[in-house]
Amino acid sequence: MLHATMKTTLLLFCSLVCVATNASETDLDKVCTEPLPAVDNAEVLEEYRGDNYTHGSVLPFTCRLGYVSAGRTMYSCSNAKWVRVRKGKCVPRPCELPEDIPNGKYDLVDGTDLVFGATIKYTCDEGYQMMSRFHTRVCMVDGWSNSLPVCEAVACLSEDNPSLIVRGLPEDDTPITYGHKLQFECADSGMVIRGEQEVTCTSAGQWNHPFPRCEVVTCELERTYSSVNVRGLPANGGPVKYGTTLYFTCAQDGMTIKGTREVTCTSTGEWSAPFPKCEVITCAREEIHTNVHVRGLPTGNSPVVYGTKLDFRCTHSAMVLHGAREVTCLDNGRWSNMFPRCEKPPLPNGSCGPPPPVAFGSIVQGLKTVYSHDDWVKFQCPYYYILKGRTWYPSWMRCNEGKWENESMKCLRPCTVTSEDMDKRNIQFQYPRGDLRYVKHDDHVTFMCKPGTMNRKAQFGQYCNNGHMDLPICYKYNY
């Protein structure tokens, strides 16, 4: 192709020379002294370069290396000036479409088209890394520079740690590639993982977290008290390792463990239970029965401690103590015996104990501890109270073969009527009385409305019924 081009150029040149030979001598004086014209990406063939260019001289241009002709370019010397007689141009030589690579791609990074001088850059897909020295290629005269780069899968290396159990490792020598996960646990149950329990191989061929390590499980000692003895602690104050069991006892008599007597350091680094304390042994204050007097109890709300002795007596000499006279607070927090009780001695046949109580009433005659058959007791009610009993001897009770007669005796209460009560209801006594009056049971009182008030439906005559009386109400006139 190059030889054909040169042949055409020579023929053209010869024809121009012939024309120039026939030119007049005056044309020879019209020499082109201007610099040679510049053409993009082209240059004058060396054989056409000279010192002088006369009228009619021609300058054929050829494309520089890496460019191809899109039409010939030629200049001619005419009247001492260079004139373009053929308008061609030189364009970059195109390269073939670059090859693709497995697990990667290329991008045009310099230039606007895949032509001479353009640069492409190869990059690997995520999880792959460039294994070639060069990752760029340039479009040259004879094609693309450099060889095709290679992308290989990134691989993460496993670390060897005998204290770790690693799950997820390939069974053969297959590389650990991007996205692969490993899980860890300690080979010894007495050890604990410090760090992440799972790691992932990243696209950079590195693990997203450092491999964890296994450390011996230890438990920190909790606070202990001087009243507590501890057995099982490591010598010289060393760490308390997993599985260690501590045993606790109280340092003094009269104290008891509150909590667990044994605690163990577990695989989580925590104790199986909180450390116990020693507290003074105490016994609960049990109920003291009626008619029982006790000596030895601490005053106020002070605790009853281990070793305390209580002494019991009956408050009445005629009563009998049932149970132990002395009880002691033991080291288990219990009393040595149940608290005793005092009871009345058994009555002789036909005898009676104290008579049944009468509300608001009191014995005024015949008071005894034990009553024989046909003994009598007289009751009396307070002033204004009415005693109600049987029809004969209503104020007396009789012991009859071990039972009291007239047990239904009552002291019926009076009613109280005050001026404040009557003012609230706009009433007054029909017959003048003092400011405060007690009205005995079953007594009758008549009321009336105060001036300026009235109530035609009110019951103004009322009876007292064991402390209760319904008072009428009067209302003011509506003018």
Protein backbone atom coordinates (compact mmCIF):
# COMPACT_ATOMS: atom_id res chain seq x y z
CA MET A 1 0.00 0.00 0.00
CA LEU A 2 2.86 2.36 0.87
CA HIS A 3 4.59 1.69 -2.53
CA ALA A 4 1.39 2.53 -4.44
CA THR A 5 1.07 5.81 -2.59
CA MET A 6 4.66 6.81 -3.31
CA LYS A 7 4.23 5.93 -7.02
CA THR A 8 1.19 8.16 -7.29
CA THR A 9 3.04 10.98 -5.56
CA LEU A 10 6.02 10.69 -7.98
CA LEU A 11 3.80 10.80 -11.04
CA LEU A 12 2.10 13.89 -9.74
CA PHE A 13 5.41 15.49 -8.98
CA CYS A 14 6.78 14.77 -12.47
CA SER A 15 3.76 16.34 -14.11
CA LEU A 16 4.17 19.45 -12.01
CA VAL A 17 7.87 19.63 -12.84
CA CYS A 18 7.12 19.43 -16.51
CA VAL A 19 4.68 22.25 -16.24
CA ALA A 20 7.22 24.24 -14.28
CA THR A 21 9.88 23.66 -16.99
CA ASN A 22 7.66 25.22 -19.58
CA ALA A 23 6.97 28.20 -17.38
CA SER A 24 8.45 31.51 -18.16
CA GLU A 25 11.60 32.62 -16.48
CA THR A 26 9.65 35.25 -14.57
CA ASP A 27 7.80 32.49 -12.65
CA LEU A 28 11.12 31.30 -11.37
CA ASP A 29 11.45 34.50 -9.43
CA LYS A 30 8.27 33.82 -7.46
CA VAL A 31 9.92 31.71 -4.76
CA CYS A 32 7.99 30.63 -1.58
CA THR A 33 10.03 31.81 1.36
CA GLU A 34 7.28 31.35 4.01
CA PRO A 35 7.60 28.49 6.51
CA LEU A 36 6.15 25.20 5.44
CA PRO A 37 2.44 24.92 6.22
CA ALA A 38 1.41 22.84 9.30
CA VAL A 39 -1.12 20.03 8.96
CA ASP A 40 -2.57 18.21 12.00
CA ASN A 41 -1.05 14.78 12.53
CA ALA A 42 0.77 14.96 9.14
CA GLU A 43 4.18 15.91 7.80
CA VAL A 44 5.92 16.53 4.40
CA LEU A 45 7.68 13.56 2.96
CA GLU A 46 11.40 13.86 3.44
CA GLU A 47 12.18 13.66 -0.29
CA TYR A 48 10.09 16.77 -0.96
CA ARG A 49 11.86 18.93 1.57
CA GLY A 50 14.35 21.49 0.15
CA ASP A 51 15.95 24.86 0.64
CA ASN A 52 14.04 26.73 -2.07
CA TYR A 53 10.52 26.30 -3.33
CA THR A 54 9.84 27.98 -6.70
CA HIS A 55 6.54 28.84 -8.22
CA GLY A 56 4.66 25.63 -8.96
CA SER A 57 6.48 23.52 -6.35
CA VAL A 58 4.22 21.03 -4.55
CA LEU A 59 4.29 19.66 -1.01
CA PRO A 60 2.50 16.33 -0.54
CA PHE A 61 1.78 15.44 3.15
CA THR A 62 1.66 11.99 4.69
CA CYS A 63 0.08 10.96 8.00
CA ARG A 64 2.25 10.47 11.01
CA LEU A 65 2.60 7.09 12.68
CA GLY A 66 -0.65 6.04 14.34
CA TYR A 67 -2.85 8.04 11.98
CA VAL A 68 -4.52 7.14 8.70
CA SER A 69 -5.40 9.31 5.76
CA ALA A 70 -8.94 10.44 5.14
CA GLY A 71 -8.11 12.07 1.77
CA ARG A 72 -4.72 13.37 0.60
CA THR A 73 -3.37 16.73 1.73
CA MET A 74 -1.19 18.79 -0.68
CA TYR A 75 0.08 22.38 -0.90
CA SER A 76 1.53 24.24 -3.97
CA CYS A 77 3.83 27.28 -4.15
CA SER A 78 1.91 29.97 -6.05
CA ASN A 79 3.13 33.51 -6.40
CA ALA A 80 5.46 33.10 -3.39
CA LYS A 81 2.69 31.70 -1.21
CA TRP A 82 1.62 28.24 -0.16
CA VAL A 83 -1.80 27.30 -1.41
CA ARG A 84 -3.70 24.18 -0.34
CA VAL A 85 -4.68 22.26 -3.44
CA ARG A 86 -5.97 19.05 -1.82
CA LYS A 87 -7.87 19.04 1.49
CA GLY A 88 -7.45 15.71 3.20
CA LYS A 89 -6.95 14.97 6.91
CA CYS A 90 -5.28 12.44 9.22
CA VAL A 91 -7.39 10.66 11.83
CA PRO A 92 -6.25 8.33 14.65
CA ARG A 93 -5.88 4.70 13.67
CA PRO A 94 -8.68 2.62 15.35
CA CYS A 95 -7.92 -0.44 17.51
CA GLU A 96 -9.92 -3.61 17.60
CA LEU A 97 -12.51 -3.94 20.38
CA PRO A 98 -10.58 -4.95 23.55
CA GLU A 99 -11.13 -8.40 24.97
CA ASP A 100 -13.15 -8.85 28.15
CA ILE A 101 -11.61 -10.64 31.13
CA PRO A 102 -13.30 -13.08 33.49
CA ASN A 103 -14.40 -11.52 36.79
CA GLY A 104 -13.54 -8.00 35.63
CA LYS A 105 -14.25 -5.21 33.17
CA TYR A 106 -12.53 -2.31 31.40
CA ASP A 107 -13.32 1.40 31.10
CA LEU A 108 -12.03 4.07 28.70
CA VAL A 109 -10.00 6.40 30.92
CA ASP A 110 -8.15 8.53 28.33
CA GLY A 111 -9.68 9.57 25.03
CA THR A 112 -13.15 9.54 23.61
CA ASP A 113 -12.96 6.50 21.37
CA LEU A 114 -11.01 3.27 20.99
CA VAL A 115 -8.41 4.77 18.66
CA PHE A 116 -4.68 5.37 18.62
CA GLY A 117 -3.53 6.88 21.94
CA ALA A 118 -6.65 5.92 23.89
CA THR A 119 -6.13 4.22 27.30
CA ILE A 120 -8.37 1.65 28.91
CA LYS A 121 -8.20 0.46 32.51
CA TYR A 122 -9.23 -2.96 33.80
CA THR A 123 -10.79 -3.44 37.24
CA CYS A 124 -11.79 -6.63 39.03
CA ASP A 125 -15.25 -7.46 40.30
CA GLU A 126 -15.88 -7.30 44.05
CA GLY A 127 -14.27 -10.25 45.74
CA TYR A 128 -11.51 -10.49 43.10
CA GLN A 129 -8.08 -8.90 42.96
CA MET A 130 -5.74 -7.90 40.13
CA MET A 131 -2.92 -10.40 39.74
CA SER A 132 -1.16 -8.75 36.74
CA ARG A 133 1.54 -6.12 36.97
CA PHE A 134 -0.22 -3.82 34.48
CA HIS A 135 -3.92 -3.09 34.53
CA THR A 136 -4.01 -0.49 31.72
CA ARG A 137 -3.68 -0.92 27.91
CA VAL A 138 -2.96 1.75 25.27
CA CYS A 139 -4.08 1.69 21.64
CA MET A 140 -0.77 1.53 19.68
CA VAL A 141 0.07 1.37 15.99
CA ASP A 142 0.08 -2.39 16.04
CA GLY A 143 -2.82 -2.85 18.50
CA TRP A 144 -3.30 -2.82 22.27
CA SER A 145 -0.27 -2.70 24.54
CA ASN A 146 0.33 -5.12 27.40
CA SER A 147 -1.29 -8.48 27.80
CA LEU A 148 -4.71 -9.10 29.25
CA PRO A 149 -4.71 -8.76 33.05
CA VAL A 150 -6.00 -11.56 35.28
CA CYS A 151 -8.49 -11.27 38.18
CA GLU A 152 -8.40 -13.96 40.82
CA ALA A 153 -10.72 -14.45 43.75
CA VAL A 154 -9.46 -12.81 46.94
CA ALA A 155 -8.68 -15.26 49.72
CA CYS A 156 -8.53 -14.86 53.48
CA LEU A 157 -6.10 -16.90 55.51
CA SER A 158 -7.22 -18.80 58.58
CA GLU A 159 -5.25 -18.46 61.78
CA ASP A 160 -4.16 -21.44 63.81
CA ASN A 161 -5.21 -21.34 67.46
CA PRO A 162 -5.55 -24.68 69.27
CA SER A 163 -7.76 -23.13 71.96
CA LEU A 164 -10.41 -22.26 69.35
CA ILE A 165 -12.93 -24.50 67.61
CA VAL A 166 -13.48 -22.99 64.13
CA ARG A 167 -16.65 -23.85 62.24
CA GLY A 168 -17.04 -23.12 58.52
CA LEU A 169 -13.53 -23.98 57.25
CA PRO A 170 -13.42 -25.72 53.82
CA GLU A 171 -12.87 -29.46 54.09
CA ASP A 172 -10.09 -29.41 51.47
CA ASP A 173 -7.52 -26.77 50.49
CA THR A 174 -10.14 -24.63 48.75
CA PRO A 175 -9.36 -20.94 49.33
CA ILE A 176 -11.55 -19.00 51.73
CA THR A 177 -13.12 -16.44 49.42
CA TYR A 178 -15.01 -13.19 49.80
CA GLY A 179 -18.18 -13.44 51.89
CA HIS A 180 -17.19 -16.68 53.64
CA LYS A 181 -18.02 -16.77 57.36
CA LEU A 182 -16.34 -18.55 60.24
CA GLN A 183 -17.78 -19.17 63.71
CA PHE A 184 -15.79 -19.78 66.86
CA GLU A 185 -16.12 -21.37 70.25
CA CYS A 186 -13.63 -22.31 72.91
CA ALA A 187 -12.33 -25.86 72.98
CA ASP A 188 -12.32 -25.87 76.79
CA SER A 189 -15.55 -25.29 78.72
CA GLY A 190 -13.51 -23.48 81.34
CA MET A 191 -12.60 -20.75 78.88
CA VAL A 192 -14.55 -17.85 77.46
CA ILE A 193 -14.30 -16.09 74.08
CA ARG A 194 -12.95 -12.55 74.10
CA GLY A 195 -13.86 -10.89 70.80
CA GLU A 196 -16.29 -11.53 67.95
CA GLN A 197 -17.74 -15.03 67.68
CA GLU A 198 -18.17 -14.70 63.88
CA VAL A 199 -15.93 -13.14 61.20
CA THR A 200 -16.46 -12.56 57.46
CA CYS A 201 -13.92 -12.50 54.61
CA THR A 202 -14.08 -9.03 53.01
CA SER A 203 -13.48 -8.01 49.40
CA ALA A 204 -10.01 -6.81 50.43
CA GLY A 205 -8.98 -10.33 51.42
CA GLN A 206 -9.02 -9.42 55.11
CA TRP A 207 -11.27 -10.58 57.94
CA ASN A 208 -13.77 -7.94 59.08
CA HIS A 209 -12.74 -8.59 62.71
CA PRO A 210 -9.65 -10.06 64.32
CA PHE A 211 -9.89 -13.68 65.34
CA PRO A 212 -11.07 -13.95 68.97
CA ARG A 213 -9.05 -15.50 71.74
CA CYS A 214 -10.03 -17.85 74.52
CA GLU A 215 -9.25 -16.89 78.07
CA VAL A 216 -9.64 -18.84 81.27
CA VAL A 217 -12.99 -18.04 82.91
CA THR A 218 -12.56 -16.29 86.24
CA CYS A 219 -15.01 -14.88 88.76
CA GLU A 220 -14.40 -11.72 90.74
CA LEU A 221 -14.69 -12.05 94.48
CA GLU A 222 -17.66 -10.33 96.00
CA ARG A 223 -17.57 -8.52 99.31
CA THR A 224 -17.14 -10.79 102.33
CA TYR A 225 -17.75 -9.85 105.95
CA SER A 226 -15.58 -10.46 108.98
CA SER A 227 -18.39 -12.51 110.47
CA VAL A 228 -18.12 -15.02 107.58
CA ASN A 229 -15.44 -17.67 107.14
CA VAL A 230 -14.63 -18.67 103.51
CA ARG A 231 -12.94 -21.91 102.42
CA GLY A 232 -11.77 -22.74 98.91
CA LEU A 233 -10.07 -19.47 97.89
CA PRO A 234 -6.94 -19.81 95.71
CA ALA A 235 -3.61 -19.50 97.49
CA ASN A 236 -1.72 -16.21 97.34
CA GLY A 237 -4.77 -14.35 96.14
CA GLY A 238 -4.72 -15.87 92.63
CA PRO A 239 -7.71 -15.64 90.24
CA VAL A 240 -10.78 -17.72 91.03
CA LYS A 241 -11.18 -20.00 88.02
CA TYR A 242 -14.23 -21.66 86.53
CA GLY A 243 -15.45 -24.59 88.62
CA THR A 244 -14.06 -23.29 91.91
CA THR A 245 -16.48 -23.80 94.81
CA LEU A 246 -16.38 -21.64 97.93
CA TYR A 247 -17.77 -22.78 101.29
CA PHE A 248 -19.11 -20.36 103.90
CA THR A 249 -19.58 -20.67 107.66
CA CYS A 250 -20.23 -18.16 110.41
CA ALA A 251 -17.25 -17.09 112.47
CA GLN A 252 -19.21 -16.78 115.75
CA ASP A 253 -21.73 -18.78 117.70
CA GLY A 254 -25.22 -17.40 117.80
CA MET A 255 -25.12 -16.43 114.12
CA THR A 256 -26.63 -18.13 111.08
CA ILE A 257 -25.95 -18.08 107.34
CA LYS A 258 -28.41 -16.00 105.33
CA GLY A 259 -28.08 -17.29 101.78
CA THR A 260 -26.35 -20.25 100.13
CA ARG A 261 -23.55 -22.01 102.01
CA GLU A 262 -21.80 -23.00 98.75
CA VAL A 263 -21.27 -20.94 95.59
CA THR A 264 -19.51 -22.01 92.38
CA CYS A 265 -17.76 -20.01 89.64
CA THR A 266 -19.76 -20.78 86.47
CA SER A 267 -18.71 -20.82 82.79
CA THR A 268 -20.14 -17.32 82.34
CA GLY A 269 -17.77 -15.81 84.89
CA GLU A 270 -20.64 -15.31 87.34
CA TRP A 271 -21.17 -16.93 90.73
CA SER A 272 -23.96 -19.50 91.00
CA ALA A 273 -25.49 -17.47 93.85
CA PRO A 274 -24.76 -14.25 95.76
CA PHE A 275 -22.31 -14.46 98.63
CA PRO A 276 -24.15 -15.12 101.91
CA LYS A 277 -24.06 -13.08 105.11
CA CYS A 278 -24.04 -14.08 108.75
CA GLU A 279 -26.75 -12.63 110.93
CA VAL A 280 -27.51 -12.95 114.61
CA ILE A 281 -29.94 -15.79 115.25
CA THR A 282 -33.31 -14.46 116.38
CA CYS A 283 -36.59 -16.01 117.39
CA ALA A 284 -39.96 -14.58 116.47
CA ARG A 285 -42.08 -12.87 119.09
CA GLU A 286 -44.97 -15.27 119.37
CA GLU A 287 -48.37 -14.36 120.76
CA ILE A 288 -48.58 -14.16 124.54
CA HIS A 289 -51.84 -15.72 125.68
CA THR A 290 -54.35 -13.94 127.87
CA ASN A 291 -53.74 -14.19 131.62
CA VAL A 292 -50.03 -15.06 131.01
CA HIS A 293 -47.19 -12.90 132.33
CA VAL A 294 -43.71 -13.29 130.77
CA ARG A 295 -40.30 -12.14 131.96
CA GLY A 296 -37.13 -11.90 129.84
CA LEU A 297 -38.45 -10.31 126.64
CA PRO A 298 -36.31 -7.39 125.32
CA THR A 299 -37.99 -4.02 125.59
CA GLY A 300 -39.58 -2.29 122.61
CA ASN A 301 -39.01 -3.88 119.20
CA SER A 302 -35.52 -5.19 119.99
CA PRO A 303 -34.89 -8.65 118.46
CA VAL A 304 -35.04 -11.76 120.61
CA VAL A 305 -31.55 -13.20 120.05
CA TYR A 306 -30.18 -16.72 120.35
CA GLY A 307 -29.93 -17.89 123.99
CA THR A 308 -32.71 -15.64 125.34
CA LYS A 309 -34.71 -17.39 128.10
CA LEU A 310 -38.31 -16.48 128.85
CA ASP A 311 -40.08 -17.23 132.14
CA PHE A 312 -43.89 -17.55 132.23
CA ARG A 313 -46.38 -17.12 135.11
CA CYS A 314 -50.16 -16.88 135.31
CA THR A 315 -51.52 -13.46 136.18
CA HIS A 316 -54.08 -15.01 138.61
CA SER A 317 -53.10 -17.44 141.30
CA ALA A 318 -56.24 -19.44 140.77
CA MET A 319 -55.25 -20.25 137.17
CA VAL A 320 -53.15 -23.19 136.01
CA LEU A 321 -50.12 -22.87 133.64
CA HIS A 322 -50.33 -25.35 130.77
CA GLY A 323 -46.96 -25.84 129.06
CA ALA A 324 -43.27 -25.21 129.85
CA ARG A 325 -42.57 -22.54 132.45
CA GLU A 326 -39.31 -21.62 130.65
CA VAL A 327 -38.55 -21.52 126.91
CA THR A 328 -35.22 -20.73 125.18
CA CYS A 329 -34.34 -19.27 121.74
CA LEU A 330 -32.28 -22.01 120.00
CA ASP A 331 -29.55 -21.77 117.33
CA ASN A 332 -32.06 -22.71 114.62
CA GLY A 333 -34.20 -19.64 115.30
CA ARG A 334 -36.92 -21.68 117.00
CA TRP A 335 -38.16 -21.75 120.60
CA SER A 336 -37.35 -24.79 122.71
CA ASN A 337 -41.07 -25.17 123.51
CA MET A 338 -44.38 -23.65 122.57
CA PHE A 339 -45.49 -20.67 124.64
CA PRO A 340 -47.71 -21.85 127.54
CA ARG A 341 -51.25 -20.71 128.34
CA CYS A 342 -53.08 -20.13 131.61
CA GLU A 343 -56.51 -21.63 132.11
CA LYS A 344 -59.03 -21.73 134.89
CA PRO A 345 -58.97 -24.87 136.99
CA PRO A 346 -61.85 -27.29 136.47
CA LEU A 347 -64.94 -26.32 138.45
CA PRO A 348 -66.55 -28.67 141.00
CA ASN A 349 -69.75 -30.36 139.91
CA GLY A 350 -72.64 -27.88 139.92
CA SER A 351 -70.32 -24.84 140.25
CA CYS A 352 -70.12 -21.85 137.89
CA GLY A 353 -67.28 -19.72 136.72
CA PRO A 354 -67.46 -15.91 136.40
CA PRO A 355 -70.90 -14.76 135.17
CA PRO A 356 -71.23 -13.63 131.56
CA PRO A 357 -70.46 -9.93 131.09
CA VAL A 358 -73.29 -7.40 130.67
CA ALA A 359 -72.57 -4.50 128.36
CA PHE A 360 -72.38 -1.23 130.34
CA GLY A 361 -73.25 -3.15 133.51
CA SER A 362 -71.14 -4.04 136.57
CA ILE A 363 -71.39 -6.52 139.45
CA VAL A 364 -72.31 -4.76 142.68
CA GLN A 365 -72.93 -7.75 144.88
CA GLY A 366 -71.74 -11.37 145.17
CA LEU A 367 -68.42 -11.10 143.21
CA LYS A 368 -66.39 -14.37 143.43
CA THR A 369 -63.93 -16.47 141.46
CA VAL A 370 -65.90 -19.70 141.73
CA TYR A 371 -69.64 -19.86 142.39
CA SER A 372 -71.47 -22.74 144.00
CA HIS A 373 -74.94 -23.91 143.14
CA ASP A 374 -77.60 -21.33 144.10
CA ASP A 375 -75.08 -18.43 144.43
CA TRP A 376 -76.48 -15.05 143.30
CA VAL A 377 -74.80 -12.05 141.63
CA LYS A 378 -76.36 -8.60 141.34
CA PHE A 379 -75.72 -6.25 138.39
CA GLN A 380 -76.25 -2.51 138.15
CA CYS A 381 -76.47 -0.20 135.12
CA PRO A 382 -75.13 3.40 134.95
CA TYR A 383 -77.44 6.35 135.62
CA TYR A 384 -79.99 6.93 132.81
CA TYR A 385 -79.48 3.29 131.63
CA ILE A 386 -82.38 0.88 132.08
CA LEU A 387 -81.60 -2.71 133.22
CA LYS A 388 -83.70 -5.26 131.44
CA GLY A 389 -83.78 -8.90 132.50
CA ARG A 390 -86.26 -11.56 133.44
CA THR A 391 -89.52 -10.46 135.07
CA TRP A 392 -88.58 -11.70 138.54
CA TYR A 393 -85.36 -10.48 140.10
CA PRO A 394 -84.33 -8.76 136.85
CA SER A 395 -81.01 -7.46 138.21
CA TRP A 396 -79.84 -10.81 139.63
CA MET A 397 -78.13 -13.84 138.04
CA ARG A 398 -78.22 -17.24 139.70
CA CYS A 399 -75.81 -20.20 139.43
CA ASN A 400 -78.02 -23.21 138.87
CA GLU A 401 -76.24 -26.57 138.51
CA GLY A 402 -73.24 -25.05 136.72
CA LYS A 403 -75.22 -22.64 134.48
CA TRP A 404 -76.13 -19.00 134.93
CA GLU A 405 -79.74 -17.95 134.75
CA ASN A 406 -80.84 -14.57 133.36
CA GLU A 407 -77.91 -14.47 130.86
CA SER A 408 -79.92 -12.22 128.52
CA MET A 409 -79.69 -9.30 130.97
CA LYS A 410 -79.05 -5.93 129.22
CA CYS A 411 -78.37 -2.29 130.07
CA LEU A 412 -80.48 -0.30 127.59
CA ARG A 413 -78.89 3.00 126.58
CA PRO A 414 -80.47 6.44 126.90
CA CYS A 415 -80.95 8.90 124.01
CA THR A 416 -79.14 12.21 123.93
CA VAL A 417 -80.86 15.28 122.49
CA THR A 418 -78.78 18.51 122.22
CA SER A 419 -79.68 22.04 121.22
CA GLU A 420 -77.37 21.68 118.20
CA ASP A 421 -79.35 18.67 117.00
CA MET A 422 -82.64 20.59 117.34
CA ASP A 423 -81.28 23.80 115.70
CA LYS A 424 -80.23 21.82 112.63
CA ARG A 425 -83.80 20.55 112.32
CA ASN A 426 -85.55 23.83 113.31
CA ILE A 427 -87.34 22.15 116.28
CA GLN A 428 -87.65 22.71 120.02
CA PHE A 429 -89.14 20.94 123.04
CA GLN A 430 -92.85 21.48 123.38
CA TYR A 431 -92.26 21.71 127.11
CA PRO A 432 -89.18 23.71 128.24
CA ARG A 433 -86.04 21.68 129.11
CA GLY A 434 -82.35 22.45 129.57
CA ASP A 435 -79.71 22.61 126.82
CA LEU A 436 -78.76 18.91 127.16
CA ARG A 437 -81.15 16.16 128.09
CA TYR A 438 -80.78 12.42 128.45
CA VAL A 439 -83.94 10.59 127.54
CA LYS A 440 -84.20 7.14 129.11
CA HIS A 441 -85.12 4.08 127.11
CA ASP A 442 -88.85 3.98 126.30
CA ASP A 443 -89.43 7.58 127.51
CA HIS A 444 -91.61 9.83 125.34
CA VAL A 445 -90.64 13.37 124.20
CA THR A 446 -92.82 15.85 122.28
CA PHE A 447 -91.23 18.40 119.90
CA MET A 448 -92.60 21.37 117.98
CA CYS A 449 -91.46 23.57 115.09
CA LYS A 450 -89.62 26.79 115.82
CA PRO A 451 -91.42 30.02 114.88
CA GLY A 452 -91.30 30.65 111.14
CA THR A 453 -91.03 26.95 110.29
CA MET A 454 -93.46 24.10 109.79
CA ASN A 455 -93.89 20.46 108.68
CA ARG A 456 -97.44 19.11 108.71
CA LYS A 457 -96.30 15.52 108.15
CA ALA A 458 -93.70 15.31 110.93
CA GLN A 459 -94.13 12.98 113.90
CA PHE A 460 -93.45 15.31 116.83
CA GLY A 461 -93.93 12.71 119.56
CA GLN A 462 -90.93 10.29 119.69
CA TYR A 463 -89.80 7.43 121.96
CA CYS A 464 -86.22 6.56 122.93
CA ASN A 465 -85.34 3.03 121.81
CA ASN A 466 -82.01 1.82 123.30
CA GLY A 467 -80.11 5.00 122.43
CA HIS A 468 -81.93 5.77 119.16
CA MET A 469 -84.58 8.47 118.56
CA ASP A 470 -85.86 9.84 115.24
CA LEU A 471 -85.99 13.64 115.44
CA PRO A 472 -88.51 15.47 113.23
CA ILE A 473 -87.49 18.24 110.79
CA CYS A 474 -89.22 21.58 110.19
CA TYR A 475 -88.72 23.85 107.16
CA LYS A 476 -88.85 27.61 106.86
CA TYR A 477 -91.79 29.27 105.16
CA ASN A 478 -91.46 30.23 101.50
CA TYR A 479 -92.82 33.78 101.24
